[in-house]
Amino acid sequence: MKPIQDYTHAYFLGIGGIGMSAICRYLHEIGIRVSGYDKTETPLTRELAELGIQITYNEDISHFPDWIEAELHQTLFVITPAIPANHPQWKWLQQQEVPIYKRAEILGIITKNKTCLAVAGTHGKTTTSTLLAHILKELNFNFSAFLGGISSNFGTNYIRNSGDPASQEPEIIVVEADEFDRSFHQLYPSAAIITAIDADHLDIYQTETAFKEAFDIFASQIIPSNKPHLFLSQVLDWDATEGRKTYGEDSQSDYCIAQIDIKDGHYYFQIQYNEQCHTFKAGLPGYHNVWNAAAAIALCHGYLNIPFESLKKPIANFKGVKRRFEYLVQSENYVVIDDYAHHPAELNMIISSVKDLYPQQQVMGVFQPHLFTRTRDFAQEFAQSLDQLDTVYLLDIYPAREKPIPGITSEYLRSLMQNPEVKVVRQEDILALLKGQKPEVLLLLGAGDIDRLRQPIITLYG
């Protein structure tokens, strides 16, 4: 592949994806003419269109841009895994025998030979990478960030800050290292965080052993240096690695979370390092977000040499990521929280944190399972996680890229639960049910299209 800056055009199949759109913004910023296809219009695609990026929602090849054939070999073609193999535009490009790259490959090329800070892990990588970007922006570093969610502080998934020109610091690239489809094997980061390795994507990896081995490969690709460059959650069972530092509540952690307190709805915690304690206020609620903050603190202090004192303000004023413990309504009568949780461990974290914050209130959850394979592989674990809620409404499984699996339904999931207050409902019926109940604390949970309920529920309870 020739250098990216040598292309005059770029065309994205699946341009509205959260990861794809961040790269689109970057290419547009460096002067490449960007266009692409997506199935439906979304807020992300509308924002891209406002930048002057041409987008079609028709998959027929007649809807390619006018210049496509003339500029075929000067165009960088990028595709997302969500595009089906029979997609007309993809089939036509294959017939032309032009190279078509995955998003992860492009991210690997962009980060090559640069200071790349990567965050991997089954949970927390979007929030932690966004927090890293927020810290670098607050402290005026020269950096670009490609994020897997919309930063609530900046309202975007791509952040660029040129820093102080007089400092002549090399550019830092912050990325989310996605384990799906082994995408993170395209990265060779300068430093990395691994937050958790709970088995997932078994439709890709087949076994938990293979899943963990993929993280071994990712860790082996971190470029060694004379300072700490791999930051691991203490809960990970990992062989000793040169350049490794750990964080967590274990007293043996290099960056030990020594104490966590909840005061007036805010989480305060201490990081103990070399027998000295440093107190932080977390901008986001939830024990899991304390761990995410500890990971970012460890990397910023251990690799970037940022003093603890300089990290306190950015940690405190971090507003998080859309759909990650995001308050939609917060009033005396109602609390509505939206969260992307789609794995049993993530459900455990959000539910336990909410119950700690609201110990006297009844907590209702609306959960949309994501993928038939994930529901099948972790059905019992999902049931146990959801049983912690007082009332549960289960929406139909969101299929994403998958076809139905016989017997794997939300009704099957309900049958495994012990909680008697569980009902399977259609998404179009949920608002009428909620209108009649008006719960004290309501959680919207899932990674599918459950976010379509956000605005109607804000209107209902706001």
Protein backbone atom coordinates (compact mmCIF):
# COMPACT_ATOMS: atom_id res chain seq x y z
CA MET A 1 0.00 0.00 0.00
CA LYS A 2 1.30 3.44 -0.90
CA PRO A 3 1.43 6.21 1.72
CA ILE A 4 -2.03 7.50 2.63
CA GLN A 5 -1.16 11.09 1.71
CA ASP A 6 -0.51 9.94 -1.89
CA TYR A 7 -4.22 9.17 -2.39
CA THR A 8 -6.43 11.94 -3.75
CA HIS A 9 -9.73 10.27 -2.83
CA ALA A 10 -11.12 7.85 -0.25
CA TYR A 11 -14.34 5.84 -0.40
CA PHE A 12 -15.81 4.12 2.69
CA LEU A 13 -18.26 1.23 2.62
CA GLY A 14 -19.97 1.72 5.97
CA ILE A 15 -18.94 5.34 6.38
CA GLY A 16 -21.27 5.97 9.34
CA GLY A 17 -19.67 3.44 11.67
CA ILE A 18 -18.21 4.93 14.83
CA GLY A 19 -14.67 3.81 13.98
CA MET A 20 -14.95 4.45 10.25
CA SER A 21 -16.25 8.00 10.66
CA ALA A 22 -13.28 8.98 12.85
CA ILE A 23 -10.87 7.95 10.10
CA CYS A 24 -13.05 9.81 7.58
CA ARG A 25 -12.61 13.01 9.57
CA TYR A 26 -8.85 12.52 9.69
CA LEU A 27 -8.52 11.92 5.93
CA HIS A 28 -10.79 14.89 5.20
CA GLU A 29 -8.64 17.04 7.48
CA ILE A 30 -5.40 16.16 5.63
CA GLY A 31 -6.93 17.11 2.27
CA ILE A 32 -8.19 13.82 0.83
CA ARG A 33 -11.59 13.97 -0.88
CA VAL A 34 -13.77 11.59 1.15
CA SER A 35 -17.09 9.98 0.21
CA GLY A 36 -18.88 6.76 1.00
CA TYR A 37 -21.93 4.56 1.46
CA ASP A 38 -24.05 3.66 4.46
CA LYS A 39 -27.35 1.87 4.85
CA THR A 40 -29.21 4.63 6.70
CA GLU A 41 -28.78 8.26 7.62
CA THR A 42 -27.71 8.86 11.23
CA PRO A 43 -26.51 11.83 13.28
CA LEU A 44 -22.94 10.74 12.48
CA THR A 45 -23.51 10.69 8.73
CA ARG A 46 -25.28 14.05 8.87
CA GLU A 47 -22.25 15.52 10.64
CA LEU A 48 -19.96 14.10 7.96
CA ALA A 49 -22.19 15.55 5.24
CA GLU A 50 -21.98 18.96 6.91
CA LEU A 51 -18.20 18.77 6.45
CA GLY A 52 -18.76 18.40 2.70
CA ILE A 53 -18.35 14.62 2.59
CA GLN A 54 -20.56 13.03 -0.09
CA ILE A 55 -22.65 10.11 1.23
CA THR A 56 -25.04 7.78 -0.58
CA TYR A 57 -27.62 5.55 1.09
CA ASN A 58 -28.24 3.51 -2.06
CA GLU A 59 -26.04 0.43 -2.55
CA ASP A 60 -26.47 0.28 -6.33
CA ILE A 61 -23.25 0.95 -8.25
CA SER A 62 -25.01 3.72 -10.18
CA HIS A 63 -24.80 5.73 -6.95
CA PHE A 64 -21.01 5.71 -6.86
CA PRO A 65 -19.58 9.26 -7.14
CA ASP A 66 -19.19 10.53 -10.70
CA TRP A 67 -15.40 10.53 -10.46
CA ILE A 68 -15.03 6.95 -9.20
CA GLU A 69 -13.93 5.24 -12.44
CA ALA A 70 -11.53 7.99 -13.50
CA GLU A 71 -9.92 8.11 -10.06
CA LEU A 72 -10.17 4.39 -9.29
CA HIS A 73 -6.45 3.86 -8.69
CA GLN A 74 -6.05 7.12 -6.78
CA THR A 75 -8.81 6.16 -4.35
CA LEU A 76 -8.32 4.51 -0.97
CA PHE A 77 -11.16 2.02 -0.43
CA VAL A 78 -12.06 1.10 3.16
CA ILE A 79 -14.69 -1.41 4.31
CA THR A 80 -16.33 -2.32 7.61
CA PRO A 81 -17.11 -5.96 8.58
CA ALA A 82 -20.81 -5.05 8.71
CA ILE A 83 -20.95 -4.88 4.88
CA PRO A 84 -22.37 -8.19 3.52
CA ALA A 85 -20.42 -10.18 0.91
CA ASN A 86 -23.16 -9.68 -1.72
CA HIS A 87 -23.14 -5.88 -1.46
CA PRO A 88 -23.25 -4.57 -5.08
CA GLN A 89 -20.62 -1.87 -4.59
CA TRP A 90 -18.22 -4.24 -2.88
CA LYS A 91 -18.70 -6.88 -5.59
CA TRP A 92 -18.04 -4.28 -8.30
CA LEU A 93 -14.83 -3.11 -6.61
CA GLN A 94 -13.63 -6.70 -6.35
CA GLN A 95 -14.25 -7.11 -10.08
CA GLN A 96 -12.06 -4.07 -10.72
CA GLU A 97 -9.31 -5.78 -8.68
CA VAL A 98 -8.59 -2.69 -6.61
CA PRO A 99 -7.25 -3.07 -3.07
CA ILE A 100 -9.93 -2.79 -0.36
CA TYR A 101 -8.71 -2.30 3.18
CA LYS A 102 -10.26 -2.96 6.56
CA ARG A 103 -10.64 -0.05 8.96
CA ALA A 104 -8.11 -1.67 11.31
CA GLU A 105 -5.49 -1.81 8.54
CA ILE A 106 -5.86 1.92 7.90
CA LEU A 107 -5.58 2.67 11.60
CA GLY A 108 -2.40 0.59 11.70
CA ILE A 109 -0.93 2.58 8.83
CA ILE A 110 -1.89 5.94 10.37
CA THR A 111 -0.24 5.02 13.68
CA LYS A 112 2.88 3.45 12.19
CA ASN A 113 6.14 5.12 13.30
CA LYS A 114 4.23 7.44 15.66
CA THR A 115 3.80 7.48 19.42
CA CYS A 116 0.66 5.36 19.66
CA LEU A 117 -1.22 4.91 22.92
CA ALA A 118 -3.64 2.00 22.59
CA VAL A 119 -6.34 0.81 24.97
CA ALA A 120 -7.46 -2.82 24.68
CA GLY A 121 -9.77 -5.00 26.75
CA THR A 122 -13.22 -6.54 26.73
CA HIS A 123 -14.61 -3.66 28.79
CA GLY A 124 -13.72 -0.03 29.36
CA LYS A 125 -11.57 0.63 26.32
CA THR A 126 -13.81 3.33 24.83
CA THR A 127 -14.13 5.25 28.10
CA THR A 128 -10.44 4.88 28.96
CA SER A 129 -9.16 5.91 25.52
CA THR A 130 -11.54 8.89 25.53
CA LEU A 131 -10.29 9.86 28.99
CA LEU A 132 -6.69 9.68 27.73
CA ALA A 133 -7.61 12.01 24.88
CA HIS A 134 -9.38 14.35 27.30
CA ILE A 135 -6.29 14.52 29.53
CA LEU A 136 -4.01 15.26 26.57
CA LYS A 137 -6.38 17.98 25.37
CA GLU A 138 -6.60 19.57 28.83
CA LEU A 139 -2.80 19.57 29.09
CA ASN A 140 -2.37 20.82 25.49
CA PHE A 141 -0.42 17.90 24.04
CA ASN A 142 0.10 17.49 20.30
CA PHE A 143 -2.18 14.52 19.54
CA SER A 144 -4.93 12.95 17.47
CA ALA A 145 -7.49 10.51 18.89
CA PHE A 146 -9.60 7.94 17.05
CA LEU A 147 -12.33 6.95 19.49
CA GLY A 148 -14.97 4.22 19.59
CA GLY A 149 -17.64 6.54 20.99
CA ILE A 150 -18.74 10.17 21.06
CA SER A 151 -16.87 12.16 23.70
CA SER A 152 -19.32 14.08 25.88
CA ASN A 153 -16.69 16.76 26.46
CA PHE A 154 -16.08 17.40 22.76
CA GLY A 155 -19.13 15.96 20.98
CA THR A 156 -17.05 13.97 18.51
CA ASN A 157 -15.22 10.66 18.04
CA TYR A 158 -12.17 12.31 16.43
CA ILE A 159 -10.11 14.85 18.33
CA ARG A 160 -7.10 16.75 16.99
CA ASN A 161 -5.00 19.16 19.06
CA SER A 162 -1.78 20.65 17.69
CA GLY A 163 -0.36 21.58 21.11
CA ASP A 164 2.25 24.23 21.62
CA PRO A 165 4.19 24.71 18.34
CA ALA A 166 7.21 25.96 20.27
CA SER A 167 7.54 22.63 22.10
CA GLN A 168 8.05 20.69 18.82
CA GLU A 169 6.70 17.57 20.50
CA PRO A 170 6.00 14.64 18.16
CA GLU A 171 2.35 13.82 17.60
CA ILE A 172 0.73 11.24 19.87
CA ILE A 173 -2.03 9.00 18.47
CA VAL A 174 -4.67 7.64 20.88
CA VAL A 175 -6.65 4.64 19.66
CA GLU A 176 -9.08 2.03 20.89
CA ALA A 177 -7.55 -1.38 20.19
CA ASP A 178 -10.54 -3.53 19.20
CA GLU A 179 -10.26 -7.30 19.67
CA PHE A 180 -13.16 -8.04 17.30
CA ASP A 181 -11.92 -9.86 14.19
CA ARG A 182 -8.38 -9.57 15.64
CA SER A 183 -8.34 -5.94 14.50
CA PHE A 184 -5.85 -4.91 17.18
CA HIS A 185 -3.18 -7.09 15.61
CA GLN A 186 -2.73 -4.31 13.05
CA LEU A 187 -1.33 -2.06 15.80
CA TYR A 188 2.24 -1.75 17.10
CA PRO A 189 1.71 0.74 19.92
CA SER A 190 4.34 2.60 21.92
CA ALA A 191 2.36 1.99 25.12
CA ALA A 192 -0.87 0.16 25.87
CA ILE A 193 -3.48 -0.53 28.50
CA ILE A 194 -5.28 -3.87 28.79
CA THR A 195 -8.33 -3.49 31.01
CA ALA A 196 -9.91 -6.95 31.02
CA ILE A 197 -9.88 -10.22 29.10
CA ASP A 198 -13.33 -11.67 29.70
CA ALA A 199 -14.12 -14.01 26.83
CA ASP A 200 -16.21 -12.48 24.04
CA HIS A 201 -16.65 -12.76 20.26
CA LEU A 202 -16.56 -16.55 20.45
CA ASP A 203 -18.14 -16.61 17.00
CA ILE A 204 -14.72 -15.37 15.84
CA TYR A 205 -12.35 -17.03 18.34
CA GLN A 206 -14.28 -20.26 19.10
CA THR A 207 -12.54 -20.80 22.46
CA GLU A 208 -11.63 -18.73 25.51
CA THR A 209 -8.02 -19.89 25.11
CA ALA A 210 -7.81 -18.51 21.57
CA PHE A 211 -9.37 -15.25 22.76
CA LYS A 212 -6.70 -14.81 25.43
CA GLU A 213 -3.94 -15.78 23.01
CA ALA A 214 -5.02 -12.89 20.78
CA PHE A 215 -4.24 -10.51 23.65
CA ASP A 216 -0.84 -12.18 24.09
CA ILE A 217 -0.10 -11.37 20.46
CA PHE A 218 -1.27 -7.78 20.90
CA ALA A 219 0.94 -7.35 23.99
CA SER A 220 3.93 -8.78 22.14
CA GLN A 221 3.55 -6.09 19.47
CA ILE A 222 4.03 -3.19 21.90
CA ILE A 223 7.32 -1.53 21.01
CA PRO A 224 9.75 -1.98 23.94
CA SER A 225 11.21 1.13 25.55
CA ASN A 226 13.24 2.11 28.58
CA LYS A 227 10.11 3.09 30.52
CA PRO A 228 6.87 1.27 31.42
CA HIS A 229 4.86 0.60 28.27
CA LEU A 230 2.25 -2.05 29.23
CA PHE A 231 -0.33 -1.23 31.90
CA LEU A 232 -2.44 -4.15 33.10
CA SER A 233 -5.40 -4.51 35.40
CA GLN A 234 -4.21 -6.38 38.48
CA VAL A 235 -6.98 -8.95 37.97
CA LEU A 236 -5.31 -10.23 34.80
CA ASP A 237 -3.32 -13.42 35.14
CA TRP A 238 -0.29 -12.48 33.09
CA ASP A 239 3.28 -13.69 33.12
CA ALA A 240 5.88 -11.14 34.20
CA THR A 241 6.68 -8.86 31.31
CA GLU A 242 9.48 -6.35 31.11
CA GLY A 243 8.08 -2.84 31.07
CA ARG A 244 4.85 -3.94 32.71
CA LYS A 245 3.01 -1.96 35.42
CA THR A 246 -0.25 -2.91 37.10
CA TYR A 247 -3.20 -0.98 38.51
CA GLY A 248 -6.10 -2.08 40.70
CA GLU A 249 -7.27 -2.60 44.27
CA ASP A 250 -4.76 -5.35 45.04
CA SER A 251 -2.16 -3.97 47.46
CA GLN A 252 0.59 -5.33 45.20
CA SER A 253 -0.52 -3.16 42.28
CA ASP A 254 2.02 -0.59 41.16
CA TYR A 255 -0.80 1.96 41.02
CA CYS A 256 -3.01 0.81 43.88
CA ILE A 257 -6.60 2.04 44.25
CA ALA A 258 -6.30 2.42 47.99
CA GLN A 259 -9.75 3.70 48.85
CA ILE A 260 -13.07 4.50 47.16
CA ASP A 261 -15.74 6.69 48.75
CA ILE A 262 -19.11 7.93 47.50
CA LYS A 263 -19.99 11.47 48.60
CA ASP A 264 -23.00 13.40 47.28
CA GLY A 265 -23.24 11.10 44.26
CA HIS A 266 -19.56 11.47 43.33
CA TYR A 267 -16.81 8.87 43.54
CA TYR A 268 -13.55 9.82 45.28
CA PHE A 269 -10.57 7.50 45.23
CA GLN A 270 -6.91 7.35 46.18
CA ILE A 271 -4.03 6.11 44.07
CA GLN A 272 -1.11 4.85 46.11
CA TYR A 273 2.22 4.89 44.30
CA ASN A 274 5.58 4.33 45.99
CA GLU A 275 3.92 4.62 49.42
CA GLN A 276 2.42 8.03 48.64
CA CYS A 277 -1.34 8.55 48.24
CA HIS A 278 -2.95 10.94 45.76
CA THR A 279 -6.67 11.71 46.02
CA PHE A 280 -8.84 12.06 42.89
CA LYS A 281 -12.46 12.92 42.23
CA ALA A 282 -13.90 10.84 39.38
CA GLY A 283 -15.85 12.75 36.78
CA LEU A 284 -17.98 9.66 36.13
CA PRO A 285 -19.90 7.50 38.61
CA GLY A 286 -19.33 3.78 38.99
CA TYR A 287 -16.59 1.56 40.40
CA HIS A 288 -15.66 0.48 36.90
CA ASN A 289 -15.01 4.11 35.98
CA VAL A 290 -12.66 4.42 38.95
CA TRP A 291 -10.71 1.53 37.43
CA ASN A 292 -10.80 3.20 34.00
CA ALA A 293 -9.46 6.39 35.57
CA ALA A 294 -6.73 4.44 37.38
CA ALA A 295 -5.64 2.91 34.07
CA ALA A 296 -5.39 6.33 32.42
CA ILE A 297 -3.53 7.75 35.43
CA ALA A 298 -1.05 4.86 35.33
CA LEU A 299 -0.23 5.33 31.66
CA CYS A 300 -0.06 9.14 31.85
CA HIS A 301 2.21 9.03 34.88
CA GLY A 302 4.22 5.93 34.04
CA TYR A 303 4.77 6.49 30.32
CA LEU A 304 4.19 10.21 29.67
CA ASN A 305 5.70 11.34 33.00
CA ILE A 306 2.71 13.58 33.83
CA PRO A 307 2.68 14.47 37.56
CA PHE A 308 -0.27 13.18 39.61
CA GLU A 309 -1.24 16.72 40.57
CA SER A 310 -1.63 17.71 36.90
CA LEU A 311 -4.02 14.79 36.33
CA LYS A 312 -6.52 15.68 39.06
CA LYS A 313 -8.44 18.39 37.21
CA PRO A 314 -8.84 16.45 33.90
CA ILE A 315 -10.00 13.35 35.80
CA ALA A 316 -12.58 15.40 37.72
CA ASN A 317 -14.07 17.27 34.74
CA PHE A 318 -14.24 14.30 32.37
CA LYS A 319 -17.85 13.90 31.20
CA GLY A 320 -17.45 10.49 29.65
CA VAL A 321 -18.75 8.98 26.44
CA LYS A 322 -22.24 8.93 24.99
CA ARG A 323 -24.07 5.77 26.07
CA ARG A 324 -21.54 4.92 28.81
CA PHE A 325 -23.22 5.52 32.19
CA GLU A 326 -24.88 8.56 30.61
CA TYR A 327 -27.60 10.32 32.56
CA LEU A 328 -30.56 11.08 30.30
CA VAL A 329 -32.82 12.27 33.13
CA GLN A 330 -31.73 13.21 36.63
CA SER A 331 -34.50 14.76 38.72
CA GLU A 332 -36.04 14.34 42.16
CA ASN A 333 -38.63 11.91 40.80
CA TYR A 334 -36.84 9.99 38.07
CA VAL A 335 -33.37 8.88 37.06
CA VAL A 336 -32.72 7.43 33.60
CA ILE A 337 -29.25 6.11 32.73
CA ASP A 338 -28.22 4.87 29.29
CA ASP A 339 -25.35 2.40 28.97
CA TYR A 340 -23.81 0.37 26.15
CA ALA A 341 -23.39 -2.73 28.37
CA HIS A 342 -23.77 -5.84 26.22
CA HIS A 343 -21.66 -8.42 28.10
CA PRO A 344 -22.54 -10.02 31.47
CA ALA A 345 -19.49 -8.51 33.18
CA GLU A 346 -20.48 -5.05 31.93
CA LEU A 347 -24.03 -5.53 33.18
CA ASN A 348 -22.68 -6.52 36.60
CA MET A 349 -20.60 -3.35 36.76
CA ILE A 350 -23.32 -0.90 35.77
CA ILE A 351 -26.06 -2.54 37.89
CA SER A 352 -23.91 -2.80 41.04
CA SER A 353 -22.75 0.81 40.68
CA VAL A 354 -26.32 2.08 40.24
CA LYS A 355 -27.50 0.14 43.28
CA ASP A 356 -24.69 1.66 45.35
CA LEU A 357 -25.69 5.14 44.21
CA TYR A 358 -29.43 4.57 44.72
CA PRO A 359 -29.72 1.99 47.52
CA GLN A 360 -33.28 2.97 48.47
CA GLN A 361 -34.77 3.04 44.98
CA GLN A 362 -36.24 0.31 42.81
CA VAL A 363 -34.12 -0.22 39.70
CA MET A 364 -35.78 -1.22 36.43
CA GLY A 365 -33.81 -2.30 33.37
CA VAL A 366 -34.66 -2.44 29.67
CA PHE A 367 -32.13 -4.74 28.04
CA GLN A 368 -31.62 -5.49 24.36
CA PRO A 369 -29.38 -8.56 23.88
CA HIS A 370 -26.76 -8.05 21.17
CA LEU A 371 -26.00 -10.94 18.80
CA PHE A 372 -27.47 -14.43 18.82
CA THR A 373 -24.04 -16.02 19.35
CA ARG A 374 -23.21 -13.85 22.38
CA THR A 375 -26.63 -14.58 23.89
CA ARG A 376 -26.11 -18.30 23.31
CA ASP A 377 -22.55 -18.37 24.66
CA PHE A 378 -23.30 -16.40 27.85
CA ALA A 379 -27.01 -17.05 28.41
CA GLN A 380 -26.64 -18.25 32.01
CA GLU A 381 -24.30 -15.37 32.86
CA PHE A 382 -26.72 -12.85 31.32
CA ALA A 383 -29.57 -14.31 33.37
CA GLN A 384 -27.58 -14.01 36.60
CA SER A 385 -26.57 -10.42 35.84
CA LEU A 386 -30.09 -9.30 34.98
CA ASP A 387 -31.54 -11.02 38.05
CA GLN A 388 -29.94 -8.25 40.11
CA LEU A 389 -32.52 -5.79 38.77
CA ASP A 390 -35.88 -5.34 40.47
CA THR A 391 -37.81 -5.35 37.18
CA VAL A 392 -36.60 -6.32 33.71
CA TYR A 393 -37.98 -5.78 30.24
CA LEU A 394 -36.22 -7.84 27.58
CA LEU A 395 -36.32 -6.61 23.98
CA ASP A 396 -35.77 -8.94 21.04
CA ILE A 397 -32.16 -9.86 20.26
CA TYR A 398 -30.41 -7.34 18.00
CA PRO A 399 -28.91 -9.47 15.22
CA ALA A 400 -26.35 -7.01 13.78
CA ARG A 401 -24.36 -9.12 11.29
CA GLU A 402 -25.89 -12.47 12.30
CA LYS A 403 -28.72 -14.76 11.26
CA PRO A 404 -31.09 -16.19 13.93
CA ILE A 405 -30.06 -19.32 15.83
CA PRO A 406 -32.95 -21.71 16.54
CA GLY A 407 -33.98 -21.60 20.19
CA ILE A 408 -31.84 -18.55 21.04
CA THR A 409 -34.35 -15.83 21.84
CA SER A 410 -35.14 -13.34 24.56
CA GLU A 411 -37.84 -15.77 25.74
CA TYR A 412 -35.08 -18.36 26.24
CA LEU A 413 -33.09 -15.85 28.26
CA ARG A 414 -36.16 -15.08 30.38
CA SER A 415 -36.63 -18.79 31.10
CA LEU A 416 -33.19 -18.92 32.73
CA MET A 417 -33.88 -16.03 35.10
CA GLN A 418 -35.05 -16.38 38.70
CA ASN A 419 -36.57 -12.90 38.95
CA PRO A 420 -40.37 -13.13 38.57
CA GLU A 421 -40.58 -9.51 37.39
CA VAL A 422 -39.32 -10.18 33.85
CA LYS A 423 -41.24 -9.64 30.65
CA VAL A 424 -40.29 -9.90 26.98
CA VAL A 425 -41.68 -6.94 25.02
CA ARG A 426 -41.42 -5.49 21.55
CA GLN A 427 -39.44 -2.30 21.26
CA GLU A 428 -42.44 -0.47 19.82
CA ASP A 429 -44.48 -1.33 22.95
CA ILE A 430 -41.99 -0.37 25.63
CA LEU A 431 -42.86 3.33 25.82
CA ALA A 432 -46.51 2.64 26.61
CA LEU A 433 -45.45 0.29 29.41
CA LEU A 434 -43.01 2.80 30.86
CA LYS A 435 -45.55 5.59 30.69
CA GLY A 436 -47.83 3.63 32.95
CA GLN A 437 -45.11 2.71 35.47
CA LYS A 438 -42.66 5.65 35.71
CA PRO A 439 -39.84 3.83 37.57
CA GLU A 440 -37.62 5.58 40.12
CA VAL A 441 -34.41 4.46 38.39
CA LEU A 442 -34.46 3.20 34.80
CA LEU A 443 -31.51 1.67 32.94
CA LEU A 444 -31.38 1.39 29.15
CA LEU A 445 -28.88 -1.37 28.43
CA GLY A 446 -27.50 -2.80 25.18
CA ALA A 447 -25.41 -2.18 22.09
CA GLY A 448 -28.02 -2.49 19.33
CA ASP A 449 -30.58 0.11 18.29
CA ILE A 450 -32.01 0.59 21.79
CA ASP A 451 -30.60 4.12 21.58
CA ARG A 452 -33.67 4.95 19.47
CA LEU A 453 -35.56 5.05 22.78
CA ARG A 454 -33.35 7.77 24.24
CA GLN A 455 -35.19 10.86 23.04
CA PRO A 456 -38.72 9.48 23.55
CA ILE A 457 -37.83 8.56 27.14
CA ILE A 458 -36.26 11.97 27.77
CA THR A 459 -39.54 13.47 26.54
CA LEU A 460 -41.53 11.07 28.73
CA TYR A 461 -39.65 11.73 31.98
CA GLY A 462 -37.86 15.01 31.38
